[in-house]
Amino acid sequence: MVQSSSHLDRSFGALSDPTRRAILMRLGKSEASSMGSLSEHFEMTLTGLQKHVRVLEEAGLVTTEKVGRVRHCRLGPRKLEDVAKWMTAYRTLLEQRLDHLEDFLERTKGTP
């Protein structure tokens, strides 16, 4: 479970930044031919973009490959099933709590 939690922590950490989420969305549309071409879509230095890509790569959400002098970037092997599963479980928990609150309010409606 610790290893799974570690993957989940890295995933949420990587997804916590709007720039990293935007990078994933951009790579989902098409593979970037280079880090330089990817950086053209963001208002930041190439070094700044590389730092974001490194976080995504450590989480398994992005892979990079150096071909000659060019580093290609694409979506990684992880598909966020662990994040989706955690979110579904959390949503179920919240819905159950709201159902219990609704039941309580119905039972106590009109009670002084």
PDB file of N, CA and C in Angstrom:
ATOM      1  N   MET A   1       0.821  -1.197   0.000  1.00  0.00           N
ATOM      2  CA  MET A   1       0.000   0.000   0.000  1.00  0.00           C
ATOM      3  C   MET A   1       0.861   1.255   0.000  1.00  0.00           C
ATOM      4  N   VAL A   2       2.015   1.212   0.648  1.00  0.00           N
ATOM      5  CA  VAL A   2       2.880   2.383   0.691  1.00  0.00           C
ATOM      6  C   VAL A   2       3.331   2.765  -0.708  1.00  0.00           C
ATOM      7  N   GLN A   3       3.695   1.770  -1.525  1.00  0.00           N
ATOM      8  CA  GLN A   3       4.142   2.053  -2.877  1.00  0.00           C
ATOM      9  C   GLN A   3       3.004   2.680  -3.672  1.00  0.00           C
ATOM     10  N   SER A   4       1.800   2.142  -3.540  1.00  0.00           N
ATOM     11  CA  SER A   4       0.645   2.693  -4.233  1.00  0.00           C
ATOM     12  C   SER A   4       0.396   4.123  -3.780  1.00  0.00           C
ATOM     13  N   SER A   5       0.501   4.370  -2.484  1.00  0.00           N
ATOM     14  CA  SER A   5       0.328   5.712  -1.956  1.00  0.00           C
ATOM     15  C   SER A   5       1.392   6.644  -2.507  1.00  0.00           C
ATOM     16  N   SER A   6       2.601   6.142  -2.651  1.00  0.00           N
ATOM     17  CA  SER A   6       3.685   6.942  -3.201  1.00  0.00           C
ATOM     18  C   SER A   6       3.376   7.358  -4.640  1.00  0.00           C
ATOM     19  N   HIS A   7       2.845   6.423  -5.439  1.00  0.00           N
ATOM     20  CA  HIS A   7       2.452   6.751  -6.811  1.00  0.00           C
ATOM     21  C   HIS A   7       1.349   7.804  -6.804  1.00  0.00           C
ATOM     22  N   LEU A   8       0.390   7.621  -5.915  1.00  0.00           N
ATOM     23  CA  LEU A   8      -0.721   8.558  -5.812  1.00  0.00           C
ATOM     24  C   LEU A   8      -0.222   9.939  -5.406  1.00  0.00           C
ATOM     25  N   ASP A   9       0.688   9.987  -4.436  1.00  0.00           N
ATOM     26  CA  ASP A   9       1.250  11.267  -3.993  1.00  0.00           C
ATOM     27  C   ASP A   9       1.986  11.968  -5.131  1.00  0.00           C
ATOM     28  N   ARG A  10       2.778  11.212  -5.882  1.00  0.00           N
ATOM     29  CA  ARG A  10       3.505  11.816  -7.017  1.00  0.00           C
ATOM     30  C   ARG A  10       2.540  12.301  -8.085  1.00  0.00           C
ATOM     31  N   SER A  11       1.484  11.528  -8.326  1.00  0.00           N
ATOM     32  CA  SER A  11       0.498  11.927  -9.331  1.00  0.00           C
ATOM     33  C   SER A  11      -0.193  13.227  -8.921  1.00  0.00           C
ATOM     34  N   PHE A  12      -0.688  13.266  -7.687  1.00  0.00           N
ATOM     35  CA  PHE A  12      -1.365  14.485  -7.228  1.00  0.00           C
ATOM     36  C   PHE A  12      -0.392  15.662  -7.171  1.00  0.00           C
ATOM     37  N   GLY A  13       0.842  15.414  -6.776  1.00  0.00           N
ATOM     38  CA  GLY A  13       1.839  16.481  -6.758  1.00  0.00           C
ATOM     39  C   GLY A  13       2.085  17.026  -8.153  1.00  0.00           C
ATOM     40  N   ALA A  14       2.188  16.129  -9.116  1.00  0.00           N
ATOM     41  CA  ALA A  14       2.422  16.560 -10.496  1.00  0.00           C
ATOM     42  C   ALA A  14       1.212  17.302 -11.045  1.00  0.00           C
ATOM     43  N   LEU A  15       0.014  16.843 -10.688  1.00  0.00           N
ATOM     44  CA  LEU A  15      -1.208  17.455 -11.206  1.00  0.00           C
ATOM     45  C   LEU A  15      -1.606  18.721 -10.463  1.00  0.00           C
ATOM     46  N   SER A  16      -0.926  19.020  -9.367  1.00  0.00           N
ATOM     47  CA  SER A  16      -1.315  20.178  -8.558  1.00  0.00           C
ATOM     48  C   SER A  16      -0.981  21.506  -9.217  1.00  0.00           C
ATOM     49  N   ASP A  17      -0.131  21.491 -10.210  1.00  0.00           N
ATOM     50  CA  ASP A  17       0.295  22.725 -10.859  1.00  0.00           C
ATOM     51  C   ASP A  17      -0.441  22.913 -12.189  1.00  0.00           C
ATOM     52  N   PRO A  18      -1.035  24.092 -12.425  1.00  0.00           N
ATOM     53  CA  PRO A  18      -1.781  24.318 -13.669  1.00  0.00           C
ATOM     54  C   PRO A  18      -0.915  24.223 -14.925  1.00  0.00           C
ATOM     55  N   THR A  19       0.347  24.598 -14.833  1.00  0.00           N
ATOM     56  CA  THR A  19       1.230  24.492 -15.996  1.00  0.00           C
ATOM     57  C   THR A  19       1.451  23.029 -16.357  1.00  0.00           C
ATOM     58  N   ARG A  20       1.636  22.189 -15.356  1.00  0.00           N
ATOM     59  CA  ARG A  20       1.849  20.765 -15.639  1.00  0.00           C
ATOM     60  C   ARG A  20       0.590  20.129 -16.216  1.00  0.00           C
ATOM     61  N   ARG A  21      -0.577  20.536 -15.712  1.00  0.00           N
ATOM     62  CA  ARG A  21      -1.819  20.019 -16.297  1.00  0.00           C
ATOM     63  C   ARG A  21      -1.941  20.471 -17.750  1.00  0.00           C
ATOM     64  N   ALA A  22      -1.550  21.708 -18.041  1.00  0.00           N
ATOM     65  CA  ALA A  22      -1.599  22.219 -19.408  1.00  0.00           C
ATOM     66  C   ALA A  22      -0.614  21.470 -20.311  1.00  0.00           C
ATOM     67  N   ILE A  23       0.542  21.118 -19.783  1.00  0.00           N
ATOM     68  CA  ILE A  23       1.522  20.338 -20.552  1.00  0.00           C
ATOM     69  C   ILE A  23       0.916  18.983 -20.920  1.00  0.00           C
ATOM     70  N   LEU A  24       0.269  18.336 -19.967  1.00  0.00           N
ATOM     71  CA  LEU A  24      -0.362  17.047 -20.247  1.00  0.00           C
ATOM     72  C   LEU A  24      -1.446  17.183 -21.313  1.00  0.00           C
ATOM     73  N   MET A  25      -2.244  18.229 -21.210  1.00  0.00           N
ATOM     74  CA  MET A  25      -3.295  18.445 -22.208  1.00  0.00           C
ATOM     75  C   MET A  25      -2.679  18.670 -23.584  1.00  0.00           C
ATOM     76  N   ARG A  26      -1.623  19.434 -23.635  1.00  0.00           N
ATOM     77  CA  ARG A  26      -0.943  19.710 -24.914  1.00  0.00           C
ATOM     78  C   ARG A  26      -0.373  18.430 -25.499  1.00  0.00           C
ATOM     79  N   LEU A  27       0.273  17.619 -24.685  1.00  0.00           N
ATOM     80  CA  LEU A  27       0.843  16.363 -25.163  1.00  0.00           C
ATOM     81  C   LEU A  27      -0.248  15.363 -25.538  1.00  0.00           C
ATOM     82  N   GLY A  28      -1.418  15.482 -24.926  1.00  0.00           N
ATOM     83  CA  GLY A  28      -2.529  14.609 -25.276  1.00  0.00           C
ATOM     84  C   GLY A  28      -3.052  14.885 -26.671  1.00  0.00           C
ATOM     85  N   LYS A  29      -2.907  16.122 -27.112  1.00  0.00           N
ATOM     86  CA  LYS A  29      -3.365  16.493 -28.451  1.00  0.00           C
ATOM     87  C   LYS A  29      -2.396  16.001 -29.514  1.00  0.00           C
ATOM     88  N   SER A  30      -1.112  16.118 -29.237  1.00  0.00           N
ATOM     89  CA  SER A  30      -0.105  15.622 -30.170  1.00  0.00           C
ATOM     90  C   SER A  30       1.243  15.604 -29.469  1.00  0.00           C
ATOM     91  N   GLU A  31       2.069  14.668 -29.885  1.00  0.00           N
ATOM     92  CA  GLU A  31       3.410  14.566 -29.315  1.00  0.00           C
ATOM     93  C   GLU A  31       4.216  15.801 -29.705  1.00  0.00           C
ATOM     94  N   ALA A  32       4.929  16.352 -28.757  1.00  0.00           N
ATOM     95  CA  ALA A  32       5.797  17.492 -29.062  1.00  0.00           C
ATOM     96  C   ALA A  32       7.038  16.966 -29.769  1.00  0.00           C
ATOM     97  N   SER A  33       7.446  17.645 -30.826  1.00  0.00           N
ATOM     98  CA  SER A  33       8.630  17.183 -31.536  1.00  0.00           C
ATOM     99  C   SER A  33       9.889  17.478 -30.744  1.00  0.00           C
ATOM    100  N   SER A  34       9.842  18.480 -29.897  1.00  0.00           N
ATOM    101  CA  SER A  34      10.996  18.802 -29.067  1.00  0.00           C
ATOM    102  C   SER A  34      10.520  19.595 -27.863  1.00  0.00           C
ATOM    103  N   MET A  35      11.396  19.677 -26.864  1.00  0.00           N
ATOM    104  CA  MET A  35      11.081  20.497 -25.696  1.00  0.00           C
ATOM    105  C   MET A  35      10.928  21.954 -26.126  1.00  0.00           C
ATOM    106  N   GLY A  36      11.736  22.364 -27.083  1.00  0.00           N
ATOM    107  CA  GLY A  36      11.654  23.738 -27.576  1.00  0.00           C
ATOM    108  C   GLY A  36      10.303  24.039 -28.195  1.00  0.00           C
ATOM    109  N   SER A  37       9.781  23.114 -29.012  1.00  0.00           N
ATOM    110  CA  SER A  37       8.468  23.351 -29.616  1.00  0.00           C
ATOM    111  C   SER A  37       7.369  23.330 -28.555  1.00  0.00           C
ATOM    112  N   LEU A  38       7.532  22.517 -27.542  1.00  0.00           N
ATOM    113  CA  LEU A  38       6.562  22.489 -26.448  1.00  0.00           C
ATOM    114  C   LEU A  38       6.603  23.796 -25.668  1.00  0.00           C
ATOM    115  N   SER A  39       7.798  24.323 -25.464  1.00  0.00           N
ATOM    116  CA  SER A  39       7.927  25.558 -24.682  1.00  0.00           C
ATOM    117  C   SER A  39       7.309  26.761 -25.392  1.00  0.00           C
ATOM    118  N   GLU A  40       7.133  26.688 -26.706  1.00  0.00           N
ATOM    119  CA  GLU A  40       6.514  27.793 -27.441  1.00  0.00           C
ATOM    120  C   GLU A  40       5.070  28.028 -27.013  1.00  0.00           C
ATOM    121  N   HIS A  41       4.443  27.021 -26.433  1.00  0.00           N
ATOM    122  CA  HIS A  41       3.040  27.131 -26.020  1.00  0.00           C
ATOM    123  C   HIS A  41       2.881  27.694 -24.609  1.00  0.00           C
ATOM    124  N   PHE A  42       3.997  27.937 -23.941  1.00  0.00           N
ATOM    125  CA  PHE A  42       3.955  28.412 -22.563  1.00  0.00           C
ATOM    126  C   PHE A  42       4.855  29.635 -22.425  1.00  0.00           C
ATOM    127  N   GLU A  43       4.442  30.556 -21.606  1.00  0.00           N
ATOM    128  CA  GLU A  43       5.221  31.769 -21.391  1.00  0.00           C
ATOM    129  C   GLU A  43       6.235  31.533 -20.279  1.00  0.00           C
ATOM    130  N   MET A  44       7.281  30.775 -20.606  1.00  0.00           N
ATOM    131  CA  MET A  44       8.336  30.506 -19.637  1.00  0.00           C
ATOM    132  C   MET A  44       9.592  30.106 -20.383  1.00  0.00           C
ATOM    133  N   THR A  45      10.660  30.095 -19.648  1.00  0.00           N
ATOM    134  CA  THR A  45      11.938  29.702 -20.252  1.00  0.00           C
ATOM    135  C   THR A  45      11.947  28.196 -20.504  1.00  0.00           C
ATOM    136  N   LEU A  46      12.823  27.776 -21.363  1.00  0.00           N
ATOM    137  CA  LEU A  46      12.981  26.352 -21.626  1.00  0.00           C
ATOM    138  C   LEU A  46      13.399  25.620 -20.350  1.00  0.00           C
ATOM    139  N   THR A  47      14.257  26.246 -19.550  1.00  0.00           N
ATOM    140  CA  THR A  47      14.693  25.645 -18.281  1.00  0.00           C
ATOM    141  C   THR A  47      13.505  25.453 -17.341  1.00  0.00           C
ATOM    142  N   GLY A  48      12.628  26.446 -17.269  1.00  0.00           N
ATOM    143  CA  GLY A  48      11.437  26.335 -16.428  1.00  0.00           C
ATOM    144  C   GLY A  48      10.524  25.216 -16.890  1.00  0.00           C
ATOM    145  N   LEU A  49      10.341  25.111 -18.193  1.00  0.00           N
ATOM    146  CA  LEU A  49       9.507  24.045 -18.739  1.00  0.00           C
ATOM    147  C   LEU A  49      10.120  22.680 -18.445  1.00  0.00           C
ATOM    148  N   GLN A  50      11.425  22.576 -18.582  1.00  0.00           N
ATOM    149  CA  GLN A  50      12.101  21.299 -18.318  1.00  0.00           C
ATOM    150  C   GLN A  50      11.887  20.845 -16.875  1.00  0.00           C
ATOM    151  N   LYS A  51      11.843  21.783 -15.949  1.00  0.00           N
ATOM    152  CA  LYS A  51      11.605  21.428 -14.544  1.00  0.00           C
ATOM    153  C   LYS A  51      10.202  20.846 -14.374  1.00  0.00           C
ATOM    154  N   HIS A  52       9.225  21.448 -15.039  1.00  0.00           N
ATOM    155  CA  HIS A  52       7.858  20.918 -14.970  1.00  0.00           C
ATOM    156  C   HIS A  52       7.782  19.533 -15.606  1.00  0.00           C
ATOM    157  N   VAL A  53       8.429  19.368 -16.745  1.00  0.00           N
ATOM    158  CA  VAL A  53       8.420  18.080 -17.434  1.00  0.00           C
ATOM    159  C   VAL A  53       9.098  17.020 -16.575  1.00  0.00           C
ATOM    160  N   ARG A  54      10.151  17.376 -15.860  1.00  0.00           N
ATOM    161  CA  ARG A  54      10.848  16.429 -14.987  1.00  0.00           C
ATOM    162  C   ARG A  54       9.910  15.912 -13.888  1.00  0.00           C
ATOM    163  N   VAL A  55       9.099  16.798 -13.307  1.00  0.00           N
ATOM    164  CA  VAL A  55       8.146  16.375 -12.275  1.00  0.00           C
ATOM    165  C   VAL A  55       7.129  15.404 -12.875  1.00  0.00           C
ATOM    166  N   LEU A  56       6.641  15.724 -14.060  1.00  0.00           N
ATOM    167  CA  LEU A  56       5.689  14.839 -14.736  1.00  0.00           C
ATOM    168  C   LEU A  56       6.331  13.502 -15.084  1.00  0.00           C
ATOM    169  N   GLU A  57       7.590  13.546 -15.470  1.00  0.00           N
ATOM    170  CA  GLU A  57       8.311  12.323 -15.826  1.00  0.00           C
ATOM    171  C   GLU A  57       8.522  11.447 -14.589  1.00  0.00           C
ATOM    172  N   GLU A  58       8.853  12.045 -13.461  1.00  0.00           N
ATOM    173  CA  GLU A  58       9.042  11.289 -12.223  1.00  0.00           C
ATOM    174  C   GLU A  58       7.751  10.619 -11.762  1.00  0.00           C
ATOM    175  N   ALA A  59       6.619  11.226 -12.116  1.00  0.00           N
ATOM    176  CA  ALA A  59       5.319  10.643 -11.777  1.00  0.00           C
ATOM    177  C   ALA A  59       4.879   9.609 -12.809  1.00  0.00           C
ATOM    178  N   GLY A  60       5.652   9.436 -13.880  1.00  0.00           N
ATOM    179  CA  GLY A  60       5.314   8.473 -14.915  1.00  0.00           C
ATOM    180  C   GLY A  60       4.274   8.969 -15.896  1.00  0.00           C
ATOM    181  N   LEU A  61       3.962  10.258 -15.844  1.00  0.00           N
ATOM    182  CA  LEU A  61       2.925  10.816 -16.711  1.00  0.00           C
ATOM    183  C   LEU A  61       3.465  11.277 -18.058  1.00  0.00           C
ATOM    184  N   VAL A  62       4.778  11.458 -18.148  1.00  0.00           N
ATOM    185  CA  VAL A  62       5.424  11.930 -19.369  1.00  0.00           C
ATOM    186  C   VAL A  62       6.718  11.135 -19.540  1.00  0.00           C
ATOM    187  N   THR A  63       7.086  10.894 -20.774  1.00  0.00           N
ATOM    188  CA  THR A  63       8.397  10.316 -21.055  1.00  0.00           C
ATOM    189  C   THR A  63       9.132  11.242 -22.016  1.00  0.00           C
ATOM    190  N   THR A  64      10.436  11.280 -21.868  1.00  0.00           N
ATOM    191  CA  THR A  64      11.257  12.047 -22.797  1.00  0.00           C
ATOM    192  C   THR A  64      12.318  11.118 -23.367  1.00  0.00           C
ATOM    193  N   GLU A  65      12.736  11.436 -24.568  1.00  0.00           N
ATOM    194  CA  GLU A  65      13.764  10.641 -25.229  1.00  0.00           C
ATOM    195  C   GLU A  65      14.656  11.584 -26.007  1.00  0.00           C
ATOM    196  N   LYS A  66      15.933  11.466 -25.789  1.00  0.00           N
ATOM    197  CA  LYS A  66      16.887  12.311 -26.484  1.00  0.00           C
ATOM    198  C   LYS A  66      17.321  11.625 -27.778  1.00  0.00           C
ATOM    199  N   VAL A  67      17.120  12.302 -28.880  1.00  0.00           N
ATOM    200  CA  VAL A  67      17.530  11.811 -30.193  1.00  0.00           C
ATOM    201  C   VAL A  67      18.466  12.867 -30.771  1.00  0.00           C
ATOM    202  N   GLY A  68      19.740  12.557 -30.775  1.00  0.00           N
ATOM    203  CA  GLY A  68      20.728  13.552 -31.193  1.00  0.00           C
ATOM    204  C   GLY A  68      20.762  14.668 -30.171  1.00  0.00           C
ATOM    205  N   ARG A  69      20.523  15.883 -30.630  1.00  0.00           N
ATOM    206  CA  ARG A  69      20.510  17.034 -29.720  1.00  0.00           C
ATOM    207  C   ARG A  69      19.106  17.440 -29.295  1.00  0.00           C
ATOM    208  N   VAL A  70      18.117  16.710 -29.789  1.00  0.00           N
ATOM    209  CA  VAL A  70      16.714  17.075 -29.540  1.00  0.00           C
ATOM    210  C   VAL A  70      16.098  16.105 -28.544  1.00  0.00           C
ATOM    211  N   ARG A  71      15.414  16.649 -27.535  1.00  0.00           N
ATOM    212  CA  ARG A  71      14.707  15.829 -26.553  1.00  0.00           C
ATOM    213  C   ARG A  71      13.224  15.849 -26.904  1.00  0.00           C
ATOM    214  N   HIS A  72      12.693  14.662 -27.260  1.00  0.00           N
ATOM    215  CA  HIS A  72      11.275  14.503 -27.596  1.00  0.00           C
ATOM    216  C   HIS A  72      10.483  14.202 -26.329  1.00  0.00           C
ATOM    217  N   CYS A  73       9.270  14.661 -26.297  1.00  0.00           N
ATOM    218  CA  CYS A  73       8.428  14.522 -25.111  1.00  0.00           C
ATOM    219  C   CYS A  73       7.071  13.968 -25.546  1.00  0.00           C
ATOM    220  N   ARG A  74       6.568  12.990 -24.773  1.00  0.00           N
ATOM    221  CA  ARG A  74       5.253  12.411 -25.075  1.00  0.00           C
ATOM    222  C   ARG A  74       4.601  11.960 -23.770  1.00  0.00           C
ATOM    223  N   LEU A  75       3.309  11.639 -23.846  1.00  0.00           N
ATOM    224  CA  LEU A  75       2.630  11.127 -22.661  1.00  0.00           C
ATOM    225  C   LEU A  75       3.287   9.841 -22.207  1.00  0.00           C
ATOM    226  N   GLY A  76       3.314   9.637 -20.904  1.00  0.00           N
ATOM    227  CA  GLY A  76       3.969   8.472 -20.330  1.00  0.00           C
ATOM    228  C   GLY A  76       3.048   7.273 -20.221  1.00  0.00           C
ATOM    229  N   PRO A  77       3.545   6.216 -19.603  1.00  0.00           N
ATOM    230  CA  PRO A  77       2.793   4.963 -19.519  1.00  0.00           C
ATOM    231  C   PRO A  77       1.666   4.970 -18.490  1.00  0.00           C
ATOM    232  N   ARG A  78       1.754   5.839 -17.477  1.00  0.00           N
ATOM    233  CA  ARG A  78       0.722   5.851 -16.428  1.00  0.00           C
ATOM    234  C   ARG A  78      -0.525   6.535 -16.945  1.00  0.00           C
ATOM    235  N   LYS A  79      -1.654   5.944 -16.662  1.00  0.00           N
ATOM    236  CA  LYS A  79      -2.913   6.459 -17.174  1.00  0.00           C
ATOM    237  C   LYS A  79      -3.809   7.037 -16.081  1.00  0.00           C
ATOM    238  N   LEU A  80      -3.273   7.211 -14.880  1.00  0.00           N
ATOM    239  CA  LEU A  80      -3.968   7.832 -13.750  1.00  0.00           C
ATOM    240  C   LEU A  80      -5.130   6.996 -13.209  1.00  0.00           C
ATOM    241  N   GLU A  81      -5.081   5.677 -13.414  1.00  0.00           N
ATOM    242  CA  GLU A  81      -6.140   4.836 -12.853  1.00  0.00           C
ATOM    243  C   GLU A  81      -6.182   4.942 -11.332  1.00  0.00           C
ATOM    244  N   ASP A  82      -5.009   5.037 -10.697  1.00  0.00           N
ATOM    245  CA  ASP A  82      -4.979   5.135  -9.236  1.00  0.00           C
ATOM    246  C   ASP A  82      -5.616   6.428  -8.757  1.00  0.00           C
ATOM    247  N   VAL A  83      -5.420   7.507  -9.498  1.00  0.00           N
ATOM    248  CA  VAL A  83      -6.039   8.785  -9.140  1.00  0.00           C
ATOM    249  C   VAL A  83      -7.551   8.700  -9.328  1.00  0.00           C
ATOM    250  N   ALA A  84      -7.984   8.136 -10.444  1.00  0.00           N
ATOM    251  CA  ALA A  84      -9.420   8.000 -10.704  1.00  0.00           C
ATOM    252  C   ALA A  84     -10.085   7.117  -9.656  1.00  0.00           C
ATOM    253  N   LYS A  85      -9.410   6.031  -9.279  1.00  0.00           N
ATOM    254  CA  LYS A  85      -9.962   5.122  -8.263  1.00  0.00           C
ATOM    255  C   LYS A  85     -10.082   5.833  -6.912  1.00  0.00           C
ATOM    256  N   TRP A  86      -9.053   6.596  -6.533  1.00  0.00           N
ATOM    257  CA  TRP A  86      -9.095   7.322  -5.266  1.00  0.00           C
ATOM    258  C   TRP A  86     -10.215   8.358  -5.287  1.00  0.00           C
ATOM    259  N   MET A  87     -10.342   9.068  -6.406  1.00  0.00           N
ATOM    260  CA  MET A  87     -11.381  10.099  -6.507  1.00  0.00           C
ATOM    261  C   MET A  87     -12.779   9.488  -6.456  1.00  0.00           C
ATOM    262  N   THR A  88     -12.963   8.332  -7.064  1.00  0.00           N
ATOM    263  CA  THR A  88     -14.259   7.645  -7.015  1.00  0.00           C
ATOM    264  C   THR A  88     -14.593   7.229  -5.587  1.00  0.00           C
ATOM    265  N   ALA A  89     -13.609   6.678  -4.883  1.00  0.00           N
ATOM    266  CA  ALA A  89     -13.835   6.271  -3.492  1.00  0.00           C
ATOM    267  C   ALA A  89     -14.150   7.476  -2.615  1.00  0.00           C
ATOM    268  N   TYR A  90     -13.437   8.577  -2.835  1.00  0.00           N
ATOM    269  CA  TYR A  90     -13.674   9.786  -2.045  1.00  0.00           C
ATOM    270  C   TYR A  90     -15.049  10.368  -2.348  1.00  0.00           C
ATOM    271  N   ARG A  91     -15.419  10.365  -3.616  1.00  0.00           N
ATOM    272  CA  ARG A  91     -16.743  10.885  -4.005  1.00  0.00           C
ATOM    273  C   ARG A  91     -17.850  10.033  -3.369  1.00  0.00           C
ATOM    274  N   THR A  92     -17.668   8.721  -3.369  1.00  0.00           N
ATOM    275  CA  THR A  92     -18.648   7.833  -2.752  1.00  0.00           C
ATOM    276  C   THR A  92     -18.788   8.143  -1.267  1.00  0.00           C
ATOM    277  N   LEU A  93     -17.671   8.345  -0.595  1.00  0.00           N
ATOM    278  CA  LEU A  93     -17.688   8.691   0.824  1.00  0.00           C
ATOM    279  C   LEU A  93     -18.461   9.993   1.065  1.00  0.00           C
ATOM    280  N   LEU A  94     -18.191  11.004   0.262  1.00  0.00           N
ATOM    281  CA  LEU A  94     -18.891  12.286   0.426  1.00  0.00           C
ATOM    282  C   LEU A  94     -20.379  12.150   0.153  1.00  0.00           C
ATOM    283  N   GLU A  95     -20.721  11.383  -0.878  1.00  0.00           N
ATOM    284  CA  GLU A  95     -22.141  11.192  -1.184  1.00  0.00           C
ATOM    285  C   GLU A  95     -22.863  10.472  -0.054  1.00  0.00           C
ATOM    286  N   GLN A  96     -22.204   9.487   0.565  1.00  0.00           N
ATOM    287  CA  GLN A  96     -22.805   8.782   1.697  1.00  0.00           C
ATOM    288  C   GLN A  96     -23.028   9.733   2.866  1.00  0.00           C
ATOM    289  N   ARG A  97     -22.050  10.599   3.123  1.00  0.00           N
ATOM    290  CA  ARG A  97     -22.190  11.564   4.225  1.00  0.00           C
ATOM    291  C   ARG A  97     -23.326  12.541   3.952  1.00  0.00           C
ATOM    292  N   LEU A  98     -23.444  12.988   2.700  1.00  0.00           N
ATOM    293  CA  LEU A  98     -24.548  13.887   2.356  1.00  0.00           C
ATOM    294  C   LEU A  98     -25.892  13.179   2.463  1.00  0.00           C
ATOM    295  N   ASP A  99     -25.945  11.912   2.083  1.00  0.00           N
ATOM    296  CA  ASP A  99     -27.183  11.143   2.231  1.00  0.00           C
ATOM    297  C   ASP A  99     -27.575  11.032   3.698  1.00  0.00           C
ATOM    298  N   HIS A 100     -26.590  10.791   4.573  1.00  0.00           N
ATOM    299  CA  HIS A 100     -26.865  10.699   6.014  1.00  0.00           C
ATOM    300  C   HIS A 100     -27.354  12.045   6.546  1.00  0.00           C
ATOM    301  N   LEU A 101     -26.763  13.132   6.064  1.00  0.00           N
ATOM    302  CA  LEU A 101     -27.211  14.454   6.483  1.00  0.00           C
ATOM    303  C   LEU A 101     -28.634  14.708   6.019  1.00  0.00           C
ATOM    304  N   GLU A 102     -28.938  14.334   4.789  1.00  0.00           N
ATOM    305  CA  GLU A 102     -30.293  14.508   4.266  1.00  0.00           C
ATOM    306  C   GLU A 102     -31.299  13.714   5.098  1.00  0.00           C
ATOM    307  N   ASP A 103     -30.952  12.469   5.439  1.00  0.00           N
ATOM    308  CA  ASP A 103     -31.828  11.651   6.273  1.00  0.00           C
ATOM    309  C   ASP A 103     -32.048  12.310   7.633  1.00  0.00           C
ATOM    310  N   PHE A 104     -30.987  12.818   8.242  1.00  0.00           N
ATOM    311  CA  PHE A 104     -31.088  13.478   9.538  1.00  0.00           C
ATOM    312  C   PHE A 104     -31.991  14.714   9.448  1.00  0.00           C
ATOM    313  N   LEU A 105     -31.794  15.514   8.415  1.00  0.00           N
ATOM    314  CA  LEU A 105     -32.610  16.722   8.267  1.00  0.00           C
ATOM    315  C   LEU A 105     -34.074  16.375   8.034  1.00  0.00           C
ATOM    316  N   GLU A 106     -34.357  15.338   7.297  1.00  0.00           N
ATOM    317  CA  GLU A 106     -35.743  14.894   7.072  1.00  0.00           C
ATOM    318  C   GLU A 106     -36.373  14.431   8.384  1.00  0.00           C
ATOM    319  N   ARG A 107     -35.590  13.672   9.184  1.00  0.00           N
ATOM    320  CA  ARG A 107     -36.113  13.171  10.441  1.00  0.00           C
ATOM    321  C   ARG A 107     -36.370  14.290  11.449  1.00  0.00           C
ATOM    322  N   THR A 108     -35.581  15.325  11.409  1.00  0.00           N
ATOM    323  CA  THR A 108     -35.702  16.387  12.408  1.00  0.00           C
ATOM    324  C   THR A 108     -36.447  17.615  11.872  1.00  0.00           C
ATOM    325  N   LYS A 109     -36.976  17.525  10.679  1.00  0.00           N
ATOM    326  CA  LYS A 109     -37.706  18.664  10.109  1.00  0.00           C
ATOM    327  C   LYS A 109     -38.919  18.983  10.975  1.00  0.00           C
ATOM    328  N   GLY A 110     -39.039  20.227  11.341  1.00  0.00           N
ATOM    329  CA  GLY A 110     -40.166  20.675  12.137  1.00  0.00           C
ATOM    330  C   GLY A 110     -40.041  20.363  13.616  1.00  0.00           C
ATOM    331  N   THR A 111     -38.940  19.745  14.028  1.00  0.00           N
ATOM    332  CA  THR A 111     -38.730  19.438  15.430  1.00  0.00           C
ATOM    333  C   THR A 111     -38.091  20.648  16.097  1.00  0.00           C
ATOM    334  N   PRO A 112     -38.706  21.127  17.220  1.00  0.00           N
ATOM    335  CA  PRO A 112     -38.120  22.310  17.903  1.00  0.00           C
ATOM    336  C   PRO A 112     -36.820  22.004  18.590  1.00  0.00           C
TER     337      PRO A 112
END
